[in-house]
Amino acid sequence: MLEIDGIKSELKKILSERRYVHSLGVAEEAEKLARRYGADQSKAYLAGLVHDCAKEFPPEEMEGILKTEYGVPVDSMSRLMPKILHGPLGACEAQRKFEIYDPEILDAIKYHTTGKGNMSTLAKIIYIADYIEPNRDFEGVEKLRRLAYENIDEAIIAGIDETILDLIKRGLIIHPDTVHARNDLIIKRSQR
C-alpha cells in the first residue's frame, strides 16, 4: 500500500478541490466513528480517504472501464444509474492506484453509495461518514450526526429513508442494494 501522504498527493491530482476536501472530511469522520464503534481506525481513515477516488470519472465511461479494464460485470439496474458505479470502480482503482488489497476496505468503498445487506461495521462507518462529514450541510444533518454516534444502524436507516424519499420525489429508481441494506437493518432491529 502507498503511504497516506502519497495517496493524498495522488488524490489531489485526480479530484477537484471540493471532492478532495470532502474525502478528507469523510476520512476524519470515519476515524472518529471507528473509535466510537471499536473498528480499526486506520482502515476507516484509509477507506474514507479513497472512497470517492473514481467519483469524477465521466459516468458514461464507468461501465466500459469496469468491464474492459477490470473484467467486472455491471448489473442492469446499475446501468440505469451510472453515477453509482463510482463505488465499484473506486474499489478497483484503490487496488490499482493505491495498492489497497484489504477486502473489508474494498467492500466499504464498493458499497458506500448504495449500502447493501449485512454490511460490516467498516462499511456502515464509510456509508454514514460520507453522509455526515463536516462539510455536508443539509436540513437534518445535525440530527443525523448525533444519531450516528448513538446508534449507527438507526443513522443508516434514517439516511437511507431520506435518500429513498428524495429518489421517489425526483421519479428516479432505487437500487436494490439500498433496499436490501434498509431491510436488513430493520429486520435486525426487530430481532433485538
N, C-alpha and C. Protein backbone atom coordinates (compact mmCIF):
# COMPACT_ATOMS: atom_id res chain seq x y z
N MET A 1 0.85 -1.19 0.00
CA MET A 1 0.00 0.00 0.00
C MET A 1 0.88 1.24 0.00
N LEU A 2 0.46 2.23 -0.73
CA LEU A 2 1.15 3.51 -0.70
C LEU A 2 0.99 4.15 0.67
N GLU A 3 1.92 5.01 1.02
CA GLU A 3 1.81 5.77 2.27
C GLU A 3 0.66 6.77 2.13
N ILE A 4 0.08 7.15 3.28
CA ILE A 4 -1.05 8.10 3.28
C ILE A 4 -0.71 9.39 2.54
N ASP A 5 0.49 9.94 2.77
CA ASP A 5 0.86 11.19 2.09
C ASP A 5 0.91 11.00 0.58
N GLY A 6 1.37 9.84 0.11
CA GLY A 6 1.39 9.55 -1.31
C GLY A 6 -0.01 9.43 -1.88
N ILE A 7 -0.91 8.81 -1.11
CA ILE A 7 -2.31 8.69 -1.54
C ILE A 7 -2.94 10.07 -1.63
N LYS A 8 -2.70 10.90 -0.62
CA LYS A 8 -3.26 12.26 -0.65
C LYS A 8 -2.74 13.04 -1.84
N SER A 9 -1.46 12.92 -2.11
CA SER A 9 -0.86 13.62 -3.24
C SER A 9 -1.50 13.18 -4.56
N GLU A 10 -1.72 11.87 -4.70
CA GLU A 10 -2.36 11.35 -5.92
C GLU A 10 -3.82 11.81 -6.02
N LEU A 11 -4.53 11.78 -4.89
CA LEU A 11 -5.93 12.23 -4.90
C LEU A 11 -6.04 13.70 -5.29
N LYS A 12 -5.09 14.52 -4.86
CA LYS A 12 -5.11 15.95 -5.23
C LYS A 12 -5.01 16.12 -6.74
N LYS A 13 -4.32 15.20 -7.39
CA LYS A 13 -4.16 15.27 -8.85
C LYS A 13 -5.43 14.85 -9.59
N ILE A 14 -6.17 13.89 -9.02
CA ILE A 14 -7.30 13.31 -9.77
C ILE A 14 -8.67 13.82 -9.34
N LEU A 15 -8.74 14.54 -8.21
CA LEU A 15 -10.02 15.05 -7.72
C LEU A 15 -10.04 16.57 -7.74
N SER A 16 -11.25 17.12 -7.88
CA SER A 16 -11.39 18.57 -7.73
C SER A 16 -11.09 18.93 -6.28
N GLU A 17 -10.81 20.19 -6.04
CA GLU A 17 -10.53 20.64 -4.66
C GLU A 17 -11.70 20.32 -3.75
N ARG A 18 -12.91 20.55 -4.22
CA ARG A 18 -14.12 20.29 -3.42
C ARG A 18 -14.23 18.81 -3.05
N ARG A 19 -13.98 17.93 -4.01
CA ARG A 19 -14.08 16.49 -3.77
C ARG A 19 -12.95 16.02 -2.86
N TYR A 20 -11.78 16.62 -3.01
CA TYR A 20 -10.65 16.26 -2.15
C TYR A 20 -10.95 16.65 -0.69
N VAL A 21 -11.46 17.85 -0.49
CA VAL A 21 -11.81 18.31 0.86
C VAL A 21 -12.90 17.40 1.45
N HIS A 22 -13.86 17.01 0.62
CA HIS A 22 -14.91 16.07 1.07
C HIS A 22 -14.27 14.74 1.50
N SER A 23 -13.33 14.24 0.72
CA SER A 23 -12.68 12.97 1.04
C SER A 23 -11.92 13.05 2.37
N LEU A 24 -11.26 14.15 2.61
CA LEU A 24 -10.58 14.34 3.90
C LEU A 24 -11.60 14.35 5.04
N GLY A 25 -12.73 15.02 4.81
CA GLY A 25 -13.79 15.07 5.82
C GLY A 25 -14.35 13.70 6.12
N VAL A 26 -14.55 12.88 5.09
CA VAL A 26 -15.07 11.52 5.29
C VAL A 26 -14.03 10.69 6.05
N ALA A 27 -12.76 10.84 5.69
CA ALA A 27 -11.70 10.07 6.37
C ALA A 27 -11.67 10.40 7.86
N GLU A 28 -11.74 11.68 8.19
CA GLU A 28 -11.69 12.10 9.59
C GLU A 28 -12.93 11.65 10.35
N GLU A 29 -14.09 11.78 9.73
CA GLU A 29 -15.33 11.33 10.36
C GLU A 29 -15.32 9.82 10.55
N ALA A 30 -14.84 9.10 9.55
CA ALA A 30 -14.78 7.64 9.63
C ALA A 30 -13.86 7.20 10.77
N GLU A 31 -12.75 7.88 10.93
CA GLU A 31 -11.82 7.55 12.01
C GLU A 31 -12.49 7.74 13.38
N LYS A 32 -13.24 8.83 13.54
CA LYS A 32 -13.96 9.08 14.80
C LYS A 32 -15.03 8.02 15.06
N LEU A 33 -15.77 7.68 14.01
CA LEU A 33 -16.81 6.66 14.15
C LEU A 33 -16.19 5.29 14.47
N ALA A 34 -15.04 5.01 13.87
CA ALA A 34 -14.36 3.74 14.16
C ALA A 34 -13.96 3.69 15.63
N ARG A 35 -13.49 4.80 16.14
CA ARG A 35 -13.14 4.87 17.56
C ARG A 35 -14.38 4.59 18.41
N ARG A 36 -15.50 5.19 18.03
CA ARG A 36 -16.75 5.03 18.78
C ARG A 36 -17.25 3.59 18.74
N TYR A 37 -17.10 2.92 17.60
CA TYR A 37 -17.68 1.58 17.44
C TYR A 37 -16.65 0.45 17.50
N GLY A 38 -15.43 0.76 17.92
CA GLY A 38 -14.43 -0.28 18.12
C GLY A 38 -13.91 -0.91 16.84
N ALA A 39 -13.95 -0.18 15.74
CA ALA A 39 -13.43 -0.69 14.47
C ALA A 39 -11.99 -0.19 14.28
N ASP A 40 -11.32 -0.71 13.30
CA ASP A 40 -9.94 -0.33 13.02
C ASP A 40 -9.91 1.10 12.47
N GLN A 41 -9.32 2.01 13.24
CA GLN A 41 -9.33 3.42 12.87
C GLN A 41 -8.50 3.71 11.61
N SER A 42 -7.38 3.01 11.45
CA SER A 42 -6.56 3.27 10.26
C SER A 42 -7.26 2.78 8.99
N LYS A 43 -7.94 1.65 9.08
CA LYS A 43 -8.73 1.17 7.92
C LYS A 43 -9.85 2.15 7.60
N ALA A 44 -10.52 2.64 8.63
CA ALA A 44 -11.63 3.58 8.43
C ALA A 44 -11.12 4.86 7.77
N TYR A 45 -10.01 5.38 8.26
CA TYR A 45 -9.44 6.61 7.68
C TYR A 45 -9.09 6.37 6.20
N LEU A 46 -8.42 5.27 5.93
CA LEU A 46 -7.99 4.97 4.56
C LEU A 46 -9.19 4.78 3.63
N ALA A 47 -10.17 4.01 4.07
CA ALA A 47 -11.37 3.80 3.23
C ALA A 47 -12.09 5.12 2.98
N GLY A 48 -12.21 5.94 4.01
CA GLY A 48 -12.85 7.25 3.84
C GLY A 48 -12.08 8.14 2.89
N LEU A 49 -10.77 8.09 2.99
CA LEU A 49 -9.92 8.94 2.15
C LEU A 49 -10.09 8.61 0.67
N VAL A 50 -10.12 7.32 0.34
CA VAL A 50 -10.14 6.93 -1.08
C VAL A 50 -11.53 6.58 -1.61
N HIS A 51 -12.57 6.69 -0.78
CA HIS A 51 -13.89 6.19 -1.19
C HIS A 51 -14.40 6.79 -2.50
N ASP A 52 -14.04 8.04 -2.78
CA ASP A 52 -14.52 8.72 -3.99
C ASP A 52 -13.45 8.86 -5.06
N CYS A 53 -12.44 7.99 -5.04
CA CYS A 53 -11.32 8.15 -5.99
C CYS A 53 -11.76 8.04 -7.45
N ALA A 54 -12.92 7.43 -7.72
CA ALA A 54 -13.42 7.32 -9.10
C ALA A 54 -14.64 8.20 -9.34
N LYS A 55 -14.98 9.04 -8.40
CA LYS A 55 -16.22 9.84 -8.47
C LYS A 55 -16.23 10.77 -9.69
N GLU A 56 -15.08 11.29 -10.08
CA GLU A 56 -15.07 12.28 -11.15
C GLU A 56 -14.76 11.70 -12.53
N PHE A 57 -14.77 10.37 -12.63
CA PHE A 57 -14.72 9.75 -13.96
C PHE A 57 -16.04 10.10 -14.65
N PRO A 58 -16.04 10.29 -15.97
CA PRO A 58 -17.32 10.52 -16.65
C PRO A 58 -18.24 9.32 -16.46
N PRO A 59 -19.47 9.53 -15.94
CA PRO A 59 -20.37 8.41 -15.67
C PRO A 59 -20.60 7.49 -16.87
N GLU A 60 -20.64 8.08 -18.06
CA GLU A 60 -20.90 7.27 -19.25
C GLU A 60 -19.71 6.36 -19.60
N GLU A 61 -18.55 6.59 -18.99
CA GLU A 61 -17.37 5.76 -19.26
C GLU A 61 -17.14 4.70 -18.18
N MET A 62 -17.79 4.84 -17.03
CA MET A 62 -17.51 3.96 -15.90
C MET A 62 -17.80 2.49 -16.22
N GLU A 63 -18.92 2.21 -16.86
CA GLU A 63 -19.27 0.83 -17.17
C GLU A 63 -18.21 0.20 -18.08
N GLY A 64 -17.81 0.92 -19.10
CA GLY A 64 -16.79 0.41 -20.02
C GLY A 64 -15.47 0.14 -19.33
N ILE A 65 -15.05 1.03 -18.44
CA ILE A 65 -13.80 0.85 -17.70
C ILE A 65 -13.91 -0.38 -16.79
N LEU A 66 -15.03 -0.51 -16.09
CA LEU A 66 -15.21 -1.67 -15.23
C LEU A 66 -15.12 -2.97 -16.03
N LYS A 67 -15.78 -2.99 -17.18
CA LYS A 67 -15.81 -4.22 -18.00
C LYS A 67 -14.46 -4.51 -18.65
N THR A 68 -13.90 -3.51 -19.35
CA THR A 68 -12.71 -3.78 -20.16
C THR A 68 -11.43 -3.80 -19.34
N GLU A 69 -11.28 -2.90 -18.39
CA GLU A 69 -10.03 -2.84 -17.64
C GLU A 69 -10.01 -3.77 -16.43
N TYR A 70 -11.18 -4.05 -15.87
CA TYR A 70 -11.21 -4.83 -14.63
C TYR A 70 -12.01 -6.13 -14.74
N GLY A 71 -12.70 -6.35 -15.85
CA GLY A 71 -13.48 -7.57 -16.00
C GLY A 71 -14.63 -7.68 -15.02
N VAL A 72 -15.15 -6.53 -14.60
CA VAL A 72 -16.25 -6.50 -13.62
C VAL A 72 -17.56 -6.27 -14.38
N PRO A 73 -18.49 -7.22 -14.30
CA PRO A 73 -19.79 -7.02 -14.97
C PRO A 73 -20.62 -5.97 -14.24
N VAL A 74 -21.47 -5.30 -14.99
CA VAL A 74 -22.35 -4.28 -14.42
C VAL A 74 -23.79 -4.77 -14.57
N ASP A 75 -24.51 -4.81 -13.46
CA ASP A 75 -25.90 -5.29 -13.50
C ASP A 75 -26.81 -4.28 -14.19
N SER A 76 -27.96 -4.75 -14.63
CA SER A 76 -28.87 -3.90 -15.42
C SER A 76 -29.37 -2.69 -14.64
N MET A 77 -29.57 -2.83 -13.35
CA MET A 77 -30.05 -1.70 -12.55
C MET A 77 -28.97 -0.61 -12.45
N SER A 78 -27.74 -1.03 -12.23
CA SER A 78 -26.64 -0.06 -12.13
C SER A 78 -26.42 0.67 -13.46
N ARG A 79 -26.68 -0.02 -14.56
CA ARG A 79 -26.57 0.61 -15.87
C ARG A 79 -27.51 1.80 -15.99
N LEU A 80 -28.65 1.70 -15.34
CA LEU A 80 -29.64 2.79 -15.38
C LEU A 80 -29.26 3.94 -14.45
N MET A 81 -28.27 3.71 -13.58
CA MET A 81 -27.83 4.72 -12.60
C MET A 81 -26.30 4.80 -12.64
N PRO A 82 -25.72 5.21 -13.76
CA PRO A 82 -24.27 5.11 -13.92
C PRO A 82 -23.45 5.85 -12.86
N LYS A 83 -24.00 6.87 -12.23
CA LYS A 83 -23.21 7.59 -11.22
C LYS A 83 -22.84 6.71 -10.03
N ILE A 84 -23.66 5.72 -9.72
CA ILE A 84 -23.33 4.87 -8.57
C ILE A 84 -22.18 3.92 -8.87
N LEU A 85 -21.80 3.81 -10.13
CA LEU A 85 -20.70 2.92 -10.49
C LEU A 85 -19.35 3.41 -9.95
N HIS A 86 -19.31 4.64 -9.43
CA HIS A 86 -18.03 5.12 -8.87
C HIS A 86 -17.63 4.33 -7.62
N GLY A 87 -18.61 3.65 -6.98
CA GLY A 87 -18.28 2.81 -5.84
C GLY A 87 -17.50 1.57 -6.28
N PRO A 88 -18.09 0.72 -7.13
CA PRO A 88 -17.34 -0.45 -7.61
C PRO A 88 -16.06 -0.08 -8.35
N LEU A 89 -16.11 0.98 -9.17
CA LEU A 89 -14.91 1.40 -9.89
C LEU A 89 -13.86 1.92 -8.90
N GLY A 90 -14.31 2.62 -7.87
CA GLY A 90 -13.39 3.12 -6.85
C GLY A 90 -12.65 1.99 -6.15
N ALA A 91 -13.35 0.89 -5.88
CA ALA A 91 -12.72 -0.27 -5.25
C ALA A 91 -11.62 -0.84 -6.16
N CYS A 92 -11.90 -0.89 -7.46
CA CYS A 92 -10.91 -1.38 -8.42
C CYS A 92 -9.72 -0.42 -8.51
N GLU A 93 -10.01 0.85 -8.59
CA GLU A 93 -8.95 1.87 -8.68
C GLU A 93 -8.11 1.91 -7.41
N ALA A 94 -8.73 1.68 -6.24
CA ALA A 94 -7.99 1.68 -4.97
C ALA A 94 -6.93 0.58 -4.99
N GLN A 95 -7.27 -0.55 -5.61
CA GLN A 95 -6.29 -1.63 -5.72
C GLN A 95 -5.16 -1.23 -6.68
N ARG A 96 -5.53 -0.76 -7.84
CA ARG A 96 -4.53 -0.47 -8.88
C ARG A 96 -3.67 0.74 -8.52
N LYS A 97 -4.31 1.85 -8.15
CA LYS A 97 -3.57 3.10 -7.94
C LYS A 97 -2.88 3.17 -6.58
N PHE A 98 -3.55 2.62 -5.56
CA PHE A 98 -3.05 2.81 -4.19
C PHE A 98 -2.59 1.53 -3.51
N GLU A 99 -2.67 0.41 -4.26
CA GLU A 99 -2.22 -0.89 -3.75
C GLU A 99 -2.91 -1.28 -2.45
N ILE A 100 -4.21 -1.02 -2.40
CA ILE A 100 -5.03 -1.40 -1.25
C ILE A 100 -5.70 -2.73 -1.61
N TYR A 101 -5.42 -3.75 -0.83
CA TYR A 101 -5.95 -5.08 -1.13
C TYR A 101 -6.84 -5.65 -0.02
N ASP A 102 -7.01 -4.91 1.04
CA ASP A 102 -7.82 -5.38 2.17
C ASP A 102 -9.27 -5.51 1.71
N PRO A 103 -9.85 -6.73 1.74
CA PRO A 103 -11.21 -6.93 1.23
C PRO A 103 -12.27 -6.12 1.99
N GLU A 104 -12.06 -5.90 3.27
CA GLU A 104 -13.04 -5.12 4.04
C GLU A 104 -13.05 -3.66 3.60
N ILE A 105 -11.88 -3.10 3.34
CA ILE A 105 -11.79 -1.71 2.86
C ILE A 105 -12.40 -1.61 1.47
N LEU A 106 -12.06 -2.55 0.60
CA LEU A 106 -12.57 -2.53 -0.77
C LEU A 106 -14.09 -2.67 -0.80
N ASP A 107 -14.63 -3.51 0.06
CA ASP A 107 -16.08 -3.69 0.14
C ASP A 107 -16.76 -2.40 0.62
N ALA A 108 -16.16 -1.73 1.59
CA ALA A 108 -16.72 -0.47 2.10
C ALA A 108 -16.73 0.59 1.00
N ILE A 109 -15.68 0.64 0.21
CA ILE A 109 -15.62 1.59 -0.91
C ILE A 109 -16.69 1.23 -1.95
N LYS A 110 -16.76 -0.04 -2.29
CA LYS A 110 -17.69 -0.50 -3.33
C LYS A 110 -19.14 -0.14 -3.01
N TYR A 111 -19.53 -0.27 -1.74
CA TYR A 111 -20.94 -0.08 -1.37
C TYR A 111 -21.22 1.21 -0.62
N HIS A 112 -20.30 2.18 -0.67
CA HIS A 112 -20.51 3.39 0.13
C HIS A 112 -21.68 4.24 -0.35
N THR A 113 -22.12 4.05 -1.57
CA THR A 113 -23.24 4.84 -2.10
C THR A 113 -24.58 4.13 -1.93
N THR A 114 -24.60 2.85 -2.23
CA THR A 114 -25.87 2.11 -2.19
C THR A 114 -26.12 1.44 -0.84
N GLY A 115 -25.04 1.11 -0.12
CA GLY A 115 -25.21 0.22 1.02
C GLY A 115 -25.47 -1.18 0.48
N LYS A 116 -25.67 -2.13 1.39
CA LYS A 116 -26.02 -3.50 0.99
C LYS A 116 -26.49 -4.23 2.24
N GLY A 117 -27.09 -5.38 2.04
CA GLY A 117 -27.48 -6.20 3.19
C GLY A 117 -26.24 -6.71 3.90
N ASN A 118 -26.34 -6.88 5.20
CA ASN A 118 -25.27 -7.47 6.02
C ASN A 118 -23.95 -6.72 5.88
N MET A 119 -23.99 -5.41 6.01
CA MET A 119 -22.76 -4.60 5.93
C MET A 119 -21.87 -4.85 7.14
N SER A 120 -20.57 -4.83 6.91
CA SER A 120 -19.61 -4.89 8.01
C SER A 120 -19.66 -3.56 8.77
N THR A 121 -19.07 -3.55 9.94
CA THR A 121 -19.02 -2.29 10.71
C THR A 121 -18.29 -1.23 9.90
N LEU A 122 -17.19 -1.60 9.23
CA LEU A 122 -16.46 -0.63 8.43
C LEU A 122 -17.32 -0.09 7.29
N ALA A 123 -18.05 -0.95 6.61
CA ALA A 123 -18.93 -0.49 5.51
C ALA A 123 -19.99 0.48 6.04
N LYS A 124 -20.53 0.18 7.21
CA LYS A 124 -21.51 1.09 7.83
C LYS A 124 -20.87 2.44 8.13
N ILE A 125 -19.67 2.39 8.66
CA ILE A 125 -18.96 3.63 9.01
C ILE A 125 -18.73 4.49 7.78
N ILE A 126 -18.26 3.90 6.70
CA ILE A 126 -18.00 4.69 5.48
C ILE A 126 -19.30 5.20 4.88
N TYR A 127 -20.33 4.38 4.90
CA TYR A 127 -21.63 4.82 4.37
C TYR A 127 -22.11 6.08 5.10
N ILE A 128 -22.12 6.03 6.43
CA ILE A 128 -22.68 7.17 7.18
C ILE A 128 -21.70 8.33 7.26
N ALA A 129 -20.39 8.05 7.29
CA ALA A 129 -19.40 9.14 7.31
C ALA A 129 -19.51 9.98 6.04
N ASP A 130 -19.77 9.33 4.91
CA ASP A 130 -19.96 10.03 3.64
C ASP A 130 -21.17 10.96 3.72
N TYR A 131 -22.16 10.55 4.45
CA TYR A 131 -23.41 11.30 4.59
C TYR A 131 -23.26 12.50 5.53
N ILE A 132 -22.47 12.34 6.62
CA ILE A 132 -22.47 13.35 7.69
C ILE A 132 -21.16 14.10 7.85
N GLU A 133 -20.18 13.88 6.98
CA GLU A 133 -18.88 14.54 7.17
C GLU A 133 -19.06 16.04 7.35
N PRO A 134 -18.11 16.71 8.03
CA PRO A 134 -18.28 18.11 8.45
C PRO A 134 -18.64 19.11 7.36
N ASN A 135 -18.31 18.82 6.10
CA ASN A 135 -18.61 19.76 5.02
C ASN A 135 -20.03 19.61 4.48
N ARG A 136 -20.74 18.60 4.91
CA ARG A 136 -22.13 18.42 4.47
C ARG A 136 -23.01 19.43 5.18
N ASP A 137 -23.95 19.98 4.44
CA ASP A 137 -24.85 20.98 5.01
C ASP A 137 -26.22 20.81 4.37
N PHE A 138 -27.10 20.12 5.07
CA PHE A 138 -28.46 19.95 4.59
C PHE A 138 -29.37 19.89 5.81
N GLU A 139 -30.64 20.13 5.58
CA GLU A 139 -31.60 20.12 6.68
C GLU A 139 -31.61 18.74 7.34
N GLY A 140 -31.40 18.71 8.63
CA GLY A 140 -31.43 17.47 9.37
C GLY A 140 -30.06 16.82 9.57
N VAL A 141 -28.99 17.42 9.03
CA VAL A 141 -27.67 16.79 9.14
C VAL A 141 -27.19 16.72 10.59
N GLU A 142 -27.49 17.75 11.39
CA GLU A 142 -27.04 17.74 12.79
C GLU A 142 -27.71 16.61 13.57
N LYS A 143 -28.98 16.40 13.32
CA LYS A 143 -29.69 15.30 13.98
C LYS A 143 -29.09 13.95 13.56
N LEU A 144 -28.78 13.82 12.28
CA LEU A 144 -28.19 12.59 11.77
C LEU A 144 -26.79 12.37 12.35
N ARG A 145 -26.03 13.46 12.51
CA ARG A 145 -24.69 13.35 13.12
C ARG A 145 -24.79 12.82 14.55
N ARG A 146 -25.73 13.36 15.31
CA ARG A 146 -25.91 12.88 16.70
C ARG A 146 -26.30 11.41 16.71
N LEU A 147 -27.24 11.05 15.85
CA LEU A 147 -27.72 9.68 15.78
C LEU A 147 -26.61 8.71 15.40
N ALA A 148 -25.70 9.14 14.52
CA ALA A 148 -24.61 8.28 14.08
C ALA A 148 -23.72 7.83 15.24
N TYR A 149 -23.63 8.67 16.26
CA TYR A 149 -22.79 8.32 17.41
C TYR A 149 -23.59 7.63 18.52
N GLU A 150 -24.91 7.67 18.40
CA GLU A 150 -25.76 6.96 19.37
C GLU A 150 -26.04 5.53 18.90
N ASN A 151 -26.39 5.40 17.62
CA ASN A 151 -26.75 4.10 17.06
C ASN A 151 -26.53 4.15 15.55
N ILE A 152 -25.43 3.57 15.10
CA ILE A 152 -25.07 3.69 13.68
C ILE A 152 -26.12 3.06 12.76
N ASP A 153 -26.72 1.95 13.19
CA ASP A 153 -27.74 1.31 12.36
C ASP A 153 -28.94 2.23 12.16
N GLU A 154 -29.39 2.87 13.23
CA GLU A 154 -30.52 3.79 13.12
C GLU A 154 -30.17 5.00 12.25
N ALA A 155 -28.92 5.45 12.34
CA ALA A 155 -28.50 6.57 11.49
C ALA A 155 -28.52 6.17 10.02
N ILE A 156 -28.08 4.96 9.73
CA ILE A 156 -28.08 4.49 8.34
C ILE A 156 -29.51 4.34 7.83
N ILE A 157 -30.39 3.79 8.65
CA ILE A 157 -31.80 3.68 8.26
C ILE A 157 -32.36 5.07 7.95
N ALA A 158 -32.09 6.03 8.81
CA ALA A 158 -32.59 7.40 8.61
C ALA A 158 -32.00 7.99 7.32
N GLY A 159 -30.72 7.75 7.07
CA GLY A 159 -30.09 8.25 5.85
C GLY A 159 -30.68 7.61 4.60
N ILE A 160 -30.87 6.30 4.66
CA ILE A 160 -31.48 5.60 3.53
C ILE A 160 -32.91 6.09 3.30
N ASP A 161 -33.65 6.28 4.38
CA ASP A 161 -35.02 6.79 4.24
C ASP A 161 -35.04 8.13 3.51
N GLU A 162 -34.12 9.03 3.89
CA GLU A 162 -34.03 10.34 3.23
C GLU A 162 -33.69 10.17 1.75
N THR A 163 -32.74 9.29 1.48
CA THR A 163 -32.33 9.04 0.09
C THR A 163 -33.50 8.50 -0.73
N ILE A 164 -34.19 7.51 -0.19
CA ILE A 164 -35.31 6.91 -0.91
C ILE A 164 -36.41 7.94 -1.16
N LEU A 165 -36.74 8.73 -0.15
CA LEU A 165 -37.77 9.77 -0.33
C LEU A 165 -37.36 10.75 -1.42
N ASP A 166 -36.09 11.13 -1.43
CA ASP A 166 -35.60 12.06 -2.46
C ASP A 166 -35.70 11.42 -3.85
N LEU A 167 -35.31 10.16 -3.96
CA LEU A 167 -35.39 9.48 -5.26
C LEU A 167 -36.83 9.36 -5.74
N ILE A 168 -37.74 9.08 -4.82
CA ILE A 168 -39.16 8.99 -5.17
C ILE A 168 -39.67 10.34 -5.65
N LYS A 169 -39.34 11.41 -4.91
CA LYS A 169 -39.79 12.76 -5.31
C LYS A 169 -39.29 13.12 -6.70
N ARG A 170 -38.08 12.67 -7.03
CA ARG A 170 -37.50 13.01 -8.33
C ARG A 170 -37.85 12.00 -9.41
N GLY A 171 -38.64 10.98 -9.05
CA GLY A 171 -39.08 9.99 -10.03
C GLY A 171 -37.97 9.06 -10.50
N LEU A 172 -36.98 8.85 -9.65
CA LEU A 172 -35.84 8.01 -10.02
C LEU A 172 -35.96 6.61 -9.41
N ILE A 173 -35.17 5.69 -9.94
CA ILE A 173 -35.21 4.32 -9.44
C ILE A 173 -34.35 4.19 -8.17
N ILE A 174 -34.63 3.16 -7.41
CA ILE A 174 -33.92 2.87 -6.17
C ILE A 174 -33.15 1.57 -6.38
N HIS A 175 -31.86 1.61 -6.15
CA HIS A 175 -31.05 0.41 -6.37
C HIS A 175 -31.43 -0.67 -5.36
N PRO A 176 -31.55 -1.92 -5.79
CA PRO A 176 -31.92 -3.00 -4.87
C PRO A 176 -30.97 -3.15 -3.68
N ASP A 177 -29.69 -2.83 -3.85
CA ASP A 177 -28.76 -2.92 -2.72
C ASP A 177 -29.18 -1.98 -1.59
N THR A 178 -29.72 -0.83 -1.94
CA THR A 178 -30.17 0.12 -0.94
C THR A 178 -31.38 -0.43 -0.19
N VAL A 179 -32.29 -1.03 -0.93
CA VAL A 179 -33.47 -1.65 -0.31
C VAL A 179 -33.02 -2.80 0.61
N HIS A 180 -32.07 -3.61 0.13
CA HIS A 180 -31.56 -4.73 0.95
C HIS A 180 -30.90 -4.22 2.22
N ALA A 181 -30.12 -3.13 2.10
CA ALA A 181 -29.45 -2.57 3.28
C ALA A 181 -30.48 -2.14 4.32
N ARG A 182 -31.49 -1.43 3.86
CA ARG A 182 -32.53 -0.96 4.79
C ARG A 182 -33.28 -2.13 5.42
N ASN A 183 -33.71 -3.07 4.57
CA ASN A 183 -34.47 -4.22 5.09
C ASN A 183 -33.65 -5.01 6.10
N ASP A 184 -32.39 -5.23 5.81
CA ASP A 184 -31.51 -5.98 6.71
C ASP A 184 -31.44 -5.29 8.09
N LEU A 185 -31.26 -3.98 8.08
CA LEU A 185 -31.15 -3.25 9.35
C LEU A 185 -32.49 -3.23 10.10
N ILE A 186 -33.59 -3.13 9.37
CA ILE A 186 -34.92 -3.14 10.01
C ILE A 186 -35.18 -4.51 10.64
N ILE A 187 -34.82 -5.57 9.92
CA ILE A 187 -35.01 -6.94 10.47
C ILE A 187 -34.16 -7.12 11.71
N LYS A 188 -32.90 -6.68 11.65
CA LYS A 188 -32.01 -6.82 12.83
C LYS A 188 -32.55 -6.02 14.01
N ARG A 189 -33.12 -4.86 13.73
CA ARG A 189 -33.71 -4.03 14.79
C ARG A 189 -34.84 -4.79 15.47
N SER A 190 -35.68 -5.46 14.68
CA SER A 190 -36.84 -6.17 15.24
C SER A 190 -36.42 -7.41 16.03
N GLN A 191 -35.21 -7.90 15.80
CA GLN A 191 -34.73 -9.09 16.50
C GLN A 191 -34.00 -8.77 17.81
N ARG A 192 -33.76 -7.49 18.07
CA ARG A 192 -33.05 -7.09 19.30
C ARG A 192 -33.94 -7.22 20.50
